[in-house]
Amino acid sequence: MIVSNDSTLAHYPHATQMDHAKAEQKLLEEHATLTQFDNELKDLESAISEQKRGISDAEIEVKKLEHDISTLEKDKVAQAKFVTDLEKQHEWIRDECQ
């Protein structure tokens, strides 16, 4: 175990200052790296949020279109029945269609 006392450090004040400066520079570099990662993470979170919003909008549009298709299919069945009923009521309609 190395024990350092003030008298030992007094012999190397320049070395201690250099060590401190190196450590401070390393800390600044690490802080800059973390800031860069933080900014990248924020950008990715924003992109994810935008994609989720787009997916949600697309799902809503799909539901609207499915509803429209369902309505049109019901209308088609109702109109086919209406035409069949008209043909039964009026012979001339059947004759015209042939």
N, C-alpha and C. Protein backbone atom coordinates (compact mmCIF):
# COMPACT_ATOMS: atom_id res chain seq x y z
N MET A 1 0.84 -1.18 0.00
CA MET A 1 0.00 0.00 0.00
C MET A 1 0.88 1.23 0.00
N ILE A 2 0.63 2.11 -0.91
CA ILE A 2 1.42 3.34 -1.00
C ILE A 2 0.69 4.42 -0.25
N VAL A 3 1.39 5.02 0.66
CA VAL A 3 0.82 6.11 1.44
C VAL A 3 1.52 7.37 1.00
N SER A 4 0.71 8.33 0.66
CA SER A 4 1.25 9.59 0.20
C SER A 4 1.04 10.63 1.29
N ASN A 5 2.08 11.38 1.56
CA ASN A 5 1.91 12.47 2.51
C ASN A 5 2.23 13.78 1.83
N ASP A 6 1.92 14.85 2.46
CA ASP A 6 2.10 16.16 1.85
C ASP A 6 3.55 16.45 1.52
N SER A 7 4.48 15.92 2.30
CA SER A 7 5.89 16.19 2.02
C SER A 7 6.34 15.53 0.73
N THR A 8 5.75 14.34 0.39
CA THR A 8 6.09 13.67 -0.86
C THR A 8 5.53 14.45 -2.03
N LEU A 9 4.29 14.90 -1.91
CA LEU A 9 3.67 15.69 -2.98
C LEU A 9 4.35 17.03 -3.16
N ALA A 10 4.91 17.55 -2.12
CA ALA A 10 5.58 18.84 -2.22
C ALA A 10 6.78 18.75 -3.14
N HIS A 11 7.39 17.57 -3.25
CA HIS A 11 8.54 17.40 -4.13
C HIS A 11 8.13 17.36 -5.61
N TYR A 12 6.84 17.03 -5.88
CA TYR A 12 6.38 16.89 -7.26
C TYR A 12 5.12 17.73 -7.53
N PRO A 13 5.16 19.04 -7.24
CA PRO A 13 3.93 19.83 -7.45
C PRO A 13 3.56 19.89 -8.93
N HIS A 14 4.54 19.91 -9.78
CA HIS A 14 4.26 19.99 -11.21
C HIS A 14 3.58 18.70 -11.69
N ALA A 15 4.03 17.56 -11.21
CA ALA A 15 3.44 16.27 -11.59
C ALA A 15 1.99 16.20 -11.13
N THR A 16 1.70 16.67 -9.94
CA THR A 16 0.35 16.65 -9.43
C THR A 16 -0.55 17.55 -10.26
N GLN A 17 -0.04 18.71 -10.63
CA GLN A 17 -0.82 19.61 -11.47
C GLN A 17 -1.07 19.00 -12.85
N MET A 18 -0.07 18.30 -13.37
CA MET A 18 -0.23 17.65 -14.67
C MET A 18 -1.26 16.52 -14.57
N ASP A 19 -1.18 15.75 -13.49
CA ASP A 19 -2.16 14.67 -13.29
C ASP A 19 -3.56 15.24 -13.19
N HIS A 20 -3.67 16.34 -12.45
CA HIS A 20 -4.97 16.98 -12.30
C HIS A 20 -5.48 17.50 -13.65
N ALA A 21 -4.62 18.10 -14.43
CA ALA A 21 -5.00 18.63 -15.74
C ALA A 21 -5.41 17.50 -16.67
N LYS A 22 -4.66 16.39 -16.63
CA LYS A 22 -5.01 15.23 -17.46
C LYS A 22 -6.37 14.66 -17.05
N ALA A 23 -6.58 14.55 -15.77
CA ALA A 23 -7.85 14.02 -15.27
C ALA A 23 -9.00 14.95 -15.65
N GLU A 24 -8.75 16.24 -15.54
CA GLU A 24 -9.78 17.20 -15.90
C GLU A 24 -10.08 17.14 -17.40
N GLN A 25 -9.04 17.00 -18.21
CA GLN A 25 -9.23 16.88 -19.66
C GLN A 25 -10.01 15.60 -19.99
N LYS A 26 -9.65 14.50 -19.33
CA LYS A 26 -10.36 13.23 -19.54
C LYS A 26 -11.83 13.38 -19.13
N LEU A 27 -12.07 14.07 -18.01
CA LEU A 27 -13.44 14.30 -17.55
C LEU A 27 -14.22 15.12 -18.58
N LEU A 28 -13.61 16.14 -19.13
CA LEU A 28 -14.26 16.95 -20.16
C LEU A 28 -14.58 16.12 -21.40
N GLU A 29 -13.64 15.26 -21.80
CA GLU A 29 -13.87 14.40 -22.96
C GLU A 29 -15.02 13.42 -22.70
N GLU A 30 -15.02 12.84 -21.51
CA GLU A 30 -16.09 11.90 -21.15
C GLU A 30 -17.44 12.63 -21.10
N HIS A 31 -17.44 13.83 -20.57
CA HIS A 31 -18.67 14.63 -20.50
C HIS A 31 -19.17 14.94 -21.91
N ALA A 32 -18.26 15.28 -22.81
CA ALA A 32 -18.64 15.58 -24.19
C ALA A 32 -19.21 14.32 -24.86
N THR A 33 -18.59 13.18 -24.60
CA THR A 33 -19.09 11.92 -25.16
C THR A 33 -20.48 11.62 -24.63
N LEU A 34 -20.68 11.78 -23.33
CA LEU A 34 -21.99 11.52 -22.74
C LEU A 34 -23.04 12.48 -23.28
N THR A 35 -22.66 13.74 -23.47
CA THR A 35 -23.59 14.72 -24.04
C THR A 35 -23.97 14.32 -25.47
N GLN A 36 -22.98 13.85 -26.22
CA GLN A 36 -23.25 13.41 -27.59
C GLN A 36 -24.22 12.21 -27.58
N PHE A 37 -23.97 11.24 -26.70
CA PHE A 37 -24.87 10.09 -26.59
C PHE A 37 -26.27 10.52 -26.15
N ASP A 38 -26.32 11.47 -25.22
CA ASP A 38 -27.62 11.97 -24.75
C ASP A 38 -28.39 12.62 -25.89
N ASN A 39 -27.71 13.41 -26.69
CA ASN A 39 -28.36 14.05 -27.84
C ASN A 39 -28.82 13.02 -28.86
N GLU A 40 -27.99 12.01 -29.09
CA GLU A 40 -28.36 10.95 -30.02
C GLU A 40 -29.57 10.18 -29.50
N LEU A 41 -29.59 9.92 -28.20
CA LEU A 41 -30.72 9.22 -27.59
C LEU A 41 -32.00 10.04 -27.72
N LYS A 42 -31.91 11.34 -27.51
CA LYS A 42 -33.08 12.21 -27.66
C LYS A 42 -33.58 12.19 -29.10
N ASP A 43 -32.66 12.20 -30.06
CA ASP A 43 -33.04 12.15 -31.47
C ASP A 43 -33.74 10.83 -31.80
N LEU A 44 -33.20 9.74 -31.26
CA LEU A 44 -33.81 8.42 -31.49
C LEU A 44 -35.18 8.33 -30.84
N GLU A 45 -35.32 8.86 -29.64
CA GLU A 45 -36.62 8.85 -28.98
C GLU A 45 -37.64 9.67 -29.78
N SER A 46 -37.19 10.76 -30.32
CA SER A 46 -38.08 11.59 -31.15
C SER A 46 -38.49 10.84 -32.41
N ALA A 47 -37.54 10.15 -33.03
CA ALA A 47 -37.85 9.37 -34.23
C ALA A 47 -38.82 8.24 -33.90
N ILE A 48 -38.62 7.58 -32.77
CA ILE A 48 -39.52 6.50 -32.35
C ILE A 48 -40.92 7.06 -32.13
N SER A 49 -41.00 8.19 -31.46
CA SER A 49 -42.29 8.82 -31.19
C SER A 49 -43.00 9.18 -32.50
N GLU A 50 -42.25 9.70 -33.44
CA GLU A 50 -42.82 10.06 -34.74
C GLU A 50 -43.32 8.82 -35.48
N GLN A 51 -42.55 7.74 -35.42
CA GLN A 51 -42.95 6.49 -36.06
C GLN A 51 -44.21 5.92 -35.41
N LYS A 52 -44.28 5.97 -34.07
CA LYS A 52 -45.46 5.48 -33.37
C LYS A 52 -46.69 6.29 -33.75
N ARG A 53 -46.51 7.60 -33.89
CA ARG A 53 -47.61 8.47 -34.29
C ARG A 53 -48.07 8.11 -35.70
N GLY A 54 -47.11 7.85 -36.58
CA GLY A 54 -47.45 7.46 -37.95
C GLY A 54 -48.19 6.13 -37.98
N ILE A 55 -47.75 5.18 -37.16
CA ILE A 55 -48.41 3.88 -37.08
C ILE A 55 -49.84 4.05 -36.57
N SER A 56 -49.99 4.86 -35.54
CA SER A 56 -51.32 5.10 -34.97
C SER A 56 -52.25 5.73 -36.00
N ASP A 57 -51.74 6.71 -36.73
CA ASP A 57 -52.54 7.35 -37.78
C ASP A 57 -52.93 6.35 -38.86
N ALA A 58 -51.99 5.48 -39.23
CA ALA A 58 -52.28 4.47 -40.26
C ALA A 58 -53.32 3.47 -39.76
N GLU A 59 -53.22 3.08 -38.49
CA GLU A 59 -54.21 2.15 -37.93
C GLU A 59 -55.61 2.76 -37.93
N ILE A 60 -55.69 4.04 -37.60
CA ILE A 60 -56.98 4.73 -37.62
C ILE A 60 -57.53 4.76 -39.05
N GLU A 61 -56.67 5.04 -40.00
CA GLU A 61 -57.10 5.07 -41.41
C GLU A 61 -57.57 3.70 -41.87
N VAL A 62 -56.87 2.65 -41.46
CA VAL A 62 -57.28 1.28 -41.81
C VAL A 62 -58.66 0.98 -41.24
N LYS A 63 -58.88 1.37 -39.99
CA LYS A 63 -60.19 1.12 -39.37
C LYS A 63 -61.30 1.86 -40.11
N LYS A 64 -61.02 3.10 -40.52
CA LYS A 64 -62.01 3.87 -41.29
C LYS A 64 -62.32 3.17 -42.62
N LEU A 65 -61.26 2.72 -43.29
CA LEU A 65 -61.46 2.05 -44.58
C LEU A 65 -62.18 0.72 -44.41
N GLU A 66 -61.86 -0.02 -43.35
CA GLU A 66 -62.58 -1.27 -43.09
C GLU A 66 -64.07 -1.01 -42.85
N HIS A 67 -64.36 0.07 -42.14
CA HIS A 67 -65.75 0.45 -41.89
C HIS A 67 -66.44 0.80 -43.20
N ASP A 68 -65.74 1.58 -44.04
CA ASP A 68 -66.31 1.95 -45.35
C ASP A 68 -66.57 0.70 -46.20
N ILE A 69 -65.64 -0.23 -46.20
CA ILE A 69 -65.82 -1.47 -46.97
C ILE A 69 -67.02 -2.24 -46.45
N SER A 70 -67.12 -2.35 -45.14
CA SER A 70 -68.25 -3.06 -44.54
C SER A 70 -69.57 -2.41 -44.92
N THR A 71 -69.62 -1.10 -44.86
CA THR A 71 -70.83 -0.36 -45.24
C THR A 71 -71.17 -0.60 -46.70
N LEU A 72 -70.15 -0.54 -47.56
CA LEU A 72 -70.39 -0.75 -48.99
C LEU A 72 -70.86 -2.18 -49.27
N GLU A 73 -70.30 -3.16 -48.57
CA GLU A 73 -70.75 -4.55 -48.76
C GLU A 73 -72.20 -4.71 -48.34
N LYS A 74 -72.59 -4.09 -47.24
CA LYS A 74 -73.99 -4.15 -46.80
C LYS A 74 -74.90 -3.46 -47.81
N ASP A 75 -74.44 -2.31 -48.31
CA ASP A 75 -75.22 -1.59 -49.32
C ASP A 75 -75.37 -2.42 -50.60
N LYS A 76 -74.29 -3.12 -50.98
CA LYS A 76 -74.34 -3.96 -52.19
C LYS A 76 -75.37 -5.07 -52.03
N VAL A 77 -75.38 -5.71 -50.86
CA VAL A 77 -76.36 -6.78 -50.60
C VAL A 77 -77.77 -6.21 -50.62
N ALA A 78 -77.96 -5.06 -49.98
CA ALA A 78 -79.29 -4.44 -49.94
C ALA A 78 -79.75 -4.04 -51.34
N GLN A 79 -78.84 -3.50 -52.16
CA GLN A 79 -79.20 -3.09 -53.51
C GLN A 79 -79.51 -4.30 -54.40
N ALA A 80 -78.75 -5.39 -54.22
CA ALA A 80 -79.03 -6.61 -54.99
C ALA A 80 -80.41 -7.15 -54.64
N LYS A 81 -80.75 -7.12 -53.37
CA LYS A 81 -82.08 -7.57 -52.94
C LYS A 81 -83.15 -6.66 -53.52
N PHE A 82 -82.90 -5.36 -53.52
CA PHE A 82 -83.86 -4.39 -54.08
C PHE A 82 -84.11 -4.68 -55.57
N VAL A 83 -83.01 -4.92 -56.30
CA VAL A 83 -83.15 -5.22 -57.73
C VAL A 83 -83.93 -6.51 -57.93
N THR A 84 -83.61 -7.53 -57.15
CA THR A 84 -84.33 -8.81 -57.25
C THR A 84 -85.82 -8.61 -56.95
N ASP A 85 -86.14 -7.84 -55.94
CA ASP A 85 -87.54 -7.56 -55.61
C ASP A 85 -88.24 -6.81 -56.74
N LEU A 86 -87.55 -5.84 -57.34
CA LEU A 86 -88.14 -5.10 -58.47
C LEU A 86 -88.40 -6.02 -59.65
N GLU A 87 -87.45 -6.91 -59.91
CA GLU A 87 -87.62 -7.84 -61.03
C GLU A 87 -88.82 -8.77 -60.78
N LYS A 88 -89.02 -9.15 -59.53
CA LYS A 88 -90.18 -10.00 -59.20
C LYS A 88 -91.48 -9.22 -59.36
N GLN A 89 -91.45 -7.95 -59.00
CA GLN A 89 -92.67 -7.13 -59.07
C GLN A 89 -93.01 -6.73 -60.50
N HIS A 90 -92.01 -6.52 -61.34
CA HIS A 90 -92.24 -6.02 -62.69
C HIS A 90 -91.52 -6.91 -63.70
N GLU A 91 -92.31 -7.62 -64.47
CA GLU A 91 -91.74 -8.55 -65.45
C GLU A 91 -90.93 -7.84 -66.53
N TRP A 92 -91.37 -6.65 -66.89
CA TRP A 92 -90.69 -5.93 -67.96
C TRP A 92 -89.23 -5.65 -67.63
N ILE A 93 -88.89 -5.54 -66.33
CA ILE A 93 -87.49 -5.30 -65.94
C ILE A 93 -86.64 -6.51 -66.31
N ARG A 94 -87.16 -7.71 -66.00
CA ARG A 94 -86.46 -8.93 -66.35
C ARG A 94 -86.29 -9.02 -67.86
N ASP A 95 -87.34 -8.69 -68.58
CA ASP A 95 -87.29 -8.79 -70.03
C ASP A 95 -86.28 -7.82 -70.62
N GLU A 96 -86.20 -6.63 -70.04
CA GLU A 96 -85.24 -5.60 -70.54
C GLU A 96 -83.79 -6.03 -70.27
N CYS A 97 -83.59 -6.70 -69.17
CA CYS A 97 -82.22 -7.10 -68.79
C CYS A 97 -81.71 -8.25 -69.62
N GLN A 98 -82.58 -8.98 -70.27
CA GLN A 98 -82.14 -10.15 -71.06
C GLN A 98 -81.76 -9.75 -72.41
